[in-house]
Amino acid sequence: MENKLPVSVIIVSFNTKDLTRKALQALYNSSRLPEQVIVVDNNSQDGSAQMIKEEFPHVLLIESKENLGFAKGNNLGIKTYVNQPYVWLLNSDTETGKHSLQQLLEYMEQHPEVGALGPQMVYPTREFQSVGGYFPSIANVFYYLLPFVFFIPKSWRRQLKSIAVFPRPLPDKALDLDYVTGAASLLRRKALDEVGLMPEDYFMYFEETDMCYRMKKAGWKIQAINCEPVMHVYGGSFKTKYDPRRLQLFQESLIKFVKKNYTGWRRFAIMAEVFLFGSISIFVKKFKEKL
């Protein structure tokens, strides 16, 4: 029997039957399989749970009676079943590479100081996708919100420690970040036990950022590495990247993160930026998308 990797994989699904099937098929096509695969189904009405029972009987399935969301769903999976030293959070709209998990785990075991690790991420078109980014600052929130930054040369923009790093090939050396995207993040259980699970008070966005913030405060490193990419459909709940509802939710979670974790003039300045420029930012980004 093949020696499995000491990893618990958690996939939270909500009305994504076909995508969840593809995610599980890709995962089970890995060169090395994880010890546990857990799916938390958030009361899907599209037959997701039944599909998993019939096609993937070895999956540990949790059928929630309500939509718990991303953080609560993952936390439920961790608290109910996880018994491995590593936890890999996967979105239901991801497809892992054949060697992605093995390469991530090998790096984690060679670098015990890393608490959370992300892989190279790509869109279905194979274009590169952001793998994470940096905690909000006065500069990068200003950059995120204000429309004139679209005219800054890309070479300059790439030097900024933006909230989300620019999509690009990852360097051969690990990239140090403040957080990695929760769509495919490998977490060290020891770090989770030390700092706690993902906060459940965010409706959407910044859950993994908040968790990584606590990890970094406790001395853990957050990195992304150039391994075999994980494909992420991205934003399946919204029609476009600049959907106004999506942008509004992002800003609301940004404010919540700042209120929880920052104090003094930095907290005041960032909240003032969002208050003054948030609505303008949503309008301009939606207008830009139509051009």
Protein backbone atom coordinates (compact mmCIF):
# COMPACT_ATOMS: atom_id res chain seq x y z
CA MET A 1 0.00 0.00 0.00
CA GLU A 2 1.28 3.45 -0.92
CA ASN A 3 2.58 5.49 1.98
CA LYS A 4 0.28 8.47 2.35
CA LEU A 5 1.36 11.98 3.25
CA PRO A 6 0.64 13.24 6.80
CA VAL A 7 -1.84 15.83 5.56
CA SER A 8 -5.53 16.47 6.14
CA VAL A 9 -7.14 18.15 3.13
CA ILE A 10 -10.30 20.20 3.73
CA ILE A 11 -12.62 21.33 0.94
CA VAL A 12 -15.65 23.47 1.78
CA SER A 13 -18.38 23.20 -0.87
CA PHE A 14 -21.58 25.10 -1.53
CA ASN A 15 -23.58 24.32 -4.66
CA THR A 16 -20.43 23.54 -6.66
CA LYS A 17 -21.02 19.87 -7.46
CA ASP A 18 -19.19 19.79 -10.78
CA LEU A 19 -16.27 21.89 -9.54
CA THR A 20 -16.00 19.83 -6.34
CA ARG A 21 -15.90 16.64 -8.42
CA LYS A 22 -13.04 18.05 -10.50
CA ALA A 23 -11.22 19.20 -7.35
CA LEU A 24 -11.42 15.72 -5.83
CA GLN A 25 -10.47 14.00 -9.08
CA ALA A 26 -7.37 16.17 -9.39
CA LEU A 27 -6.46 15.60 -5.75
CA TYR A 28 -6.79 11.82 -6.05
CA ASN A 29 -4.61 11.96 -9.16
CA SER A 30 -1.73 13.29 -7.05
CA SER A 31 1.58 11.45 -7.06
CA ARG A 32 1.23 10.99 -3.29
CA LEU A 33 -2.16 10.97 -1.58
CA PRO A 34 -3.00 12.74 1.69
CA GLU A 35 -3.91 10.71 4.74
CA GLN A 36 -7.30 12.43 5.05
CA VAL A 37 -9.66 14.15 2.63
CA ILE A 38 -12.51 16.03 4.30
CA VAL A 39 -15.37 17.79 2.54
CA VAL A 40 -17.62 20.14 4.50
CA ASP A 41 -20.78 20.65 2.46
CA ASN A 42 -22.58 23.88 3.38
CA ASN A 43 -26.12 22.64 2.80
CA SER A 44 -25.78 22.47 -0.99
CA GLN A 45 -29.00 21.99 -2.94
CA ASP A 46 -27.37 20.68 -6.15
CA GLY A 47 -26.69 17.09 -5.11
CA SER A 48 -23.08 17.71 -4.04
CA ALA A 49 -23.27 15.54 -0.92
CA GLN A 50 -24.86 12.62 -2.76
CA MET A 51 -22.25 12.85 -5.54
CA ILE A 52 -19.44 12.66 -2.98
CA LYS A 53 -20.99 9.63 -1.26
CA GLU A 54 -21.37 7.78 -4.55
CA GLU A 55 -18.17 8.73 -6.34
CA PHE A 56 -15.71 9.34 -3.48
CA PRO A 57 -16.69 6.96 -0.66
CA HIS A 58 -13.34 7.41 1.13
CA VAL A 59 -13.94 11.12 1.65
CA LEU A 60 -14.89 12.15 5.18
CA LEU A 61 -18.08 14.09 4.50
CA ILE A 62 -19.65 16.59 6.89
CA GLU A 63 -23.16 17.65 5.85
CA SER A 64 -23.95 20.98 7.46
CA LYS A 65 -27.60 21.96 7.79
CA GLU A 66 -26.72 25.59 7.03
CA ASN A 67 -24.26 27.58 4.96
CA LEU A 68 -21.43 28.12 7.45
CA GLY A 69 -19.23 30.06 5.06
CA PHE A 70 -15.51 29.63 4.44
CA ALA A 71 -14.00 30.07 7.91
CA LYS A 72 -16.63 28.20 9.95
CA GLY A 73 -16.71 25.39 7.40
CA ASN A 74 -12.96 24.85 7.51
CA ASN A 75 -12.88 25.16 11.29
CA LEU A 76 -15.62 22.53 11.58
CA GLY A 77 -13.59 20.18 9.41
CA ILE A 78 -10.49 20.74 11.53
CA LYS A 79 -12.29 20.26 14.85
CA THR A 80 -14.24 17.20 13.69
CA TYR A 81 -11.73 15.06 11.82
CA VAL A 82 -8.22 16.47 11.44
CA ASN A 83 -5.57 14.25 13.06
CA GLN A 84 -2.53 15.03 10.89
CA PRO A 85 0.36 17.49 11.47
CA TYR A 86 -0.48 19.45 8.30
CA VAL A 87 -3.77 20.86 7.01
CA TRP A 88 -4.27 21.79 3.36
CA LEU A 89 -7.18 24.14 2.76
CA LEU A 90 -8.49 23.82 -0.79
CA ASN A 91 -11.31 25.73 -2.42
CA SER A 92 -13.88 23.64 -4.24
CA ASP A 93 -13.01 25.51 -7.45
CA THR A 94 -9.36 24.41 -7.48
CA GLU A 95 -7.56 21.66 -9.36
CA THR A 96 -4.24 20.62 -7.88
CA GLY A 97 -1.20 19.62 -9.90
CA LYS A 98 0.01 16.02 -9.77
CA HIS A 99 2.97 16.94 -7.55
CA SER A 100 1.68 20.12 -5.85
CA LEU A 101 0.99 18.61 -2.42
CA GLN A 102 4.18 16.56 -2.27
CA GLN A 103 6.32 19.58 -3.19
CA LEU A 104 4.59 21.81 -0.63
CA LEU A 105 4.95 19.22 2.14
CA GLU A 106 8.61 18.55 1.39
CA TYR A 107 9.32 22.27 1.70
CA MET A 108 7.41 22.56 4.98
CA GLU A 109 9.27 19.65 6.49
CA GLN A 110 12.58 21.20 5.48
CA HIS A 111 11.58 24.60 6.91
CA PRO A 112 10.05 24.16 10.38
CA GLU A 113 9.79 27.95 10.83
CA VAL A 114 7.06 28.22 8.18
CA GLY A 115 3.50 28.25 9.53
CA ALA A 116 1.59 28.70 6.26
CA LEU A 117 2.73 27.95 2.72
CA GLY A 118 1.10 28.72 -0.61
CA PRO A 119 1.71 27.27 -4.10
CA GLN A 120 1.93 28.98 -7.46
CA MET A 121 -1.66 29.75 -8.50
CA VAL A 122 -3.04 30.00 -12.04
CA TYR A 123 -6.38 30.71 -13.72
CA PRO A 124 -8.02 28.13 -16.03
CA THR A 125 -6.30 29.99 -18.89
CA ARG A 126 -2.98 29.17 -17.16
CA GLU A 127 -2.35 32.87 -16.58
CA PHE A 128 -0.74 33.54 -13.23
CA GLN A 129 -2.87 34.45 -10.24
CA SER A 130 -1.99 36.27 -7.04
CA VAL A 131 -0.80 33.91 -4.30
CA GLY A 132 -1.24 36.24 -1.33
CA GLY A 133 0.02 39.61 -0.27
CA TYR A 134 0.76 42.02 2.55
CA PHE A 135 -1.16 43.39 5.50
CA PRO A 136 -3.05 46.65 4.95
CA SER A 137 -0.98 49.80 5.29
CA ILE A 138 -1.76 53.46 4.66
CA ALA A 139 0.18 53.26 1.40
CA ASN A 140 -1.21 50.04 -0.05
CA VAL A 141 -4.83 50.81 0.92
CA PHE A 142 -4.45 54.20 -0.80
CA TYR A 143 -3.03 52.38 -3.80
CA TYR A 144 -5.87 49.83 -3.80
CA LEU A 145 -8.63 52.44 -3.59
CA LEU A 146 -7.61 55.37 -5.74
CA PRO A 147 -8.22 55.25 -9.47
CA PHE A 148 -5.11 57.09 -10.62
CA VAL A 149 -2.89 54.16 -9.65
CA PHE A 150 -4.02 52.37 -12.81
CA PHE A 151 -1.73 54.77 -14.67
CA ILE A 152 1.37 54.03 -12.63
CA PRO A 153 3.87 52.00 -14.71
CA LYS A 154 3.67 48.28 -13.96
CA SER A 155 7.37 48.19 -13.15
CA TRP A 156 6.72 50.66 -10.33
CA ARG A 157 3.59 48.90 -9.13
CA ARG A 158 5.47 45.62 -8.79
CA GLN A 159 7.76 47.22 -6.21
CA LEU A 160 4.83 48.05 -3.91
CA LYS A 161 3.91 45.75 -1.04
CA SER A 162 0.31 45.64 -2.21
CA ILE A 163 -2.55 43.99 -0.38
CA ALA A 164 -2.53 41.34 -3.11
CA VAL A 165 0.75 40.68 -4.93
CA PHE A 166 0.73 41.04 -8.69
CA PRO A 167 0.14 37.79 -10.61
CA ARG A 168 3.51 36.56 -11.82
CA PRO A 169 5.75 33.49 -11.79
CA LEU A 170 7.11 32.91 -8.33
CA PRO A 171 10.91 33.10 -7.93
CA ASP A 172 12.98 29.96 -7.39
CA LYS A 173 13.59 31.16 -3.84
CA ALA A 174 10.57 31.16 -1.51
CA LEU A 175 8.64 34.43 -1.46
CA ASP A 176 8.11 35.91 2.00
CA LEU A 177 4.59 37.29 2.40
CA ASP A 178 2.28 38.50 5.16
CA TYR A 179 -0.48 36.09 4.13
CA VAL A 180 -1.17 33.40 1.52
CA THR A 181 -4.51 32.90 -0.17
CA GLY A 182 -6.82 30.48 1.59
CA ALA A 183 -7.72 28.85 -1.74
CA ALA A 184 -4.79 26.43 -1.44
CA SER A 185 -2.81 27.10 1.73
CA LEU A 186 -0.87 24.38 3.54
CA LEU A 187 -0.93 25.04 7.29
CA ARG A 188 1.22 23.60 10.04
CA ARG A 189 -1.05 22.19 12.74
CA LYS A 190 1.43 23.25 15.43
CA ALA A 191 1.05 26.88 14.33
CA LEU A 192 -2.75 26.57 14.28
CA ASP A 193 -2.75 25.10 17.77
CA GLU A 194 -0.64 28.03 18.95
CA VAL A 195 -2.58 30.92 17.41
CA GLY A 196 -6.06 29.47 16.91
CA LEU A 197 -8.23 28.73 13.90
CA MET A 198 -9.58 31.19 11.35
CA PRO A 199 -11.79 33.92 12.81
CA GLU A 200 -15.46 33.34 12.09
CA ASP A 201 -16.64 36.95 12.25
CA TYR A 202 -15.81 37.77 8.60
CA PHE A 203 -18.54 37.17 6.04
CA MET A 204 -16.03 36.92 3.18
CA TYR A 205 -12.36 37.89 2.68
CA PHE A 206 -9.57 38.51 5.22
CA GLU A 207 -10.17 35.30 7.20
CA GLU A 208 -6.80 33.88 6.17
CA THR A 209 -5.19 37.32 6.47
CA ASP A 210 -6.31 37.57 10.09
CA MET A 211 -5.06 34.06 10.85
CA CYS A 212 -1.69 34.75 9.21
CA TYR A 213 -1.45 38.05 11.13
CA ARG A 214 -1.58 36.08 14.39
CA MET A 215 0.94 33.57 13.04
CA LYS A 216 3.42 36.28 12.13
CA LYS A 217 3.00 37.95 15.54
CA ALA A 218 3.85 34.57 17.10
CA GLY A 219 7.04 34.34 15.01
CA TRP A 220 5.97 32.01 12.19
CA LYS A 221 6.95 32.68 8.59
CA ILE A 222 4.41 32.91 5.77
CA GLN A 223 5.71 31.99 2.33
CA ALA A 224 4.78 30.90 -1.20
CA ILE A 225 6.91 28.66 -3.40
CA ASN A 226 7.29 27.94 -7.09
CA CYS A 227 5.89 24.41 -7.14
CA GLU A 228 3.58 22.73 -9.64
CA PRO A 229 0.67 25.20 -9.92
CA VAL A 230 -2.79 24.86 -8.47
CA MET A 231 -5.52 26.02 -10.86
CA HIS A 232 -8.14 28.25 -9.25
CA VAL A 233 -11.30 29.32 -11.08
CA TYR A 234 -11.52 32.25 -8.61
CA GLY A 235 -14.54 34.27 -7.64
CA GLY A 236 -17.19 31.77 -8.65
CA SER A 237 -19.75 33.58 -6.48
CA PHE A 238 -19.44 36.73 -8.58
CA LYS A 239 -19.73 37.40 -12.30
CA THR A 240 -16.58 39.52 -12.54
CA LYS A 241 -13.51 40.58 -10.57
CA TYR A 242 -15.00 44.08 -10.25
CA ASP A 243 -18.50 43.05 -9.22
CA PRO A 244 -19.66 45.93 -6.96
CA ARG A 245 -20.93 43.53 -4.29
CA ARG A 246 -17.57 41.76 -4.22
CA LEU A 247 -15.70 45.06 -3.90
CA GLN A 248 -18.06 46.21 -1.14
CA LEU A 249 -17.56 42.98 0.82
CA PHE A 250 -13.80 43.33 0.47
CA GLN A 251 -13.89 46.85 1.88
CA GLU A 252 -16.14 45.81 4.77
CA SER A 253 -13.76 42.99 5.71
CA LEU A 254 -10.77 45.33 5.33
CA ILE A 255 -12.35 47.69 7.88
CA LYS A 256 -13.07 44.79 10.25
CA PHE A 257 -9.46 43.57 10.02
CA VAL A 258 -8.10 47.06 10.74
CA LYS A 259 -10.46 47.60 13.68
CA LYS A 260 -9.47 44.25 15.21
CA ASN A 261 -5.74 44.45 14.78
CA TYR A 262 -4.57 48.07 14.48
CA THR A 263 -4.50 50.96 16.91
CA GLY A 264 -3.69 54.67 16.93
CA TRP A 265 -3.14 56.90 13.91
CA ARG A 266 -2.59 53.98 11.50
CA ARG A 267 -6.01 52.56 12.29
CA PHE A 268 -7.65 55.98 11.95
CA ALA A 269 -5.88 56.82 8.68
CA ILE A 270 -6.79 53.56 6.91
CA MET A 271 -10.43 53.75 8.00
CA ALA A 272 -10.56 57.36 6.81
CA GLU A 273 -9.19 56.30 3.40
CA VAL A 274 -11.90 53.69 2.98
CA PHE A 275 -14.61 56.11 4.16
CA LEU A 276 -13.47 58.89 1.81
CA PHE A 277 -12.57 56.88 -1.28
CA GLY A 278 -14.37 53.54 -0.98
CA SER A 279 -17.47 54.41 -3.00
CA ILE A 280 -15.44 56.25 -5.63
CA SER A 281 -13.14 53.24 -5.92
CA ILE A 282 -16.04 50.84 -6.59
CA PHE A 283 -17.53 53.18 -9.21
CA VAL A 284 -14.24 53.74 -11.06
CA LYS A 285 -13.26 50.05 -11.06
CA LYS A 286 -16.64 49.07 -12.46
CA PHE A 287 -16.33 51.80 -15.11
CA LYS A 288 -12.76 50.72 -15.96
CA GLU A 289 -13.95 47.14 -16.51
CA LYS A 290 -16.38 48.33 -19.20
CA LEU A 291 -13.69 50.16 -21.16
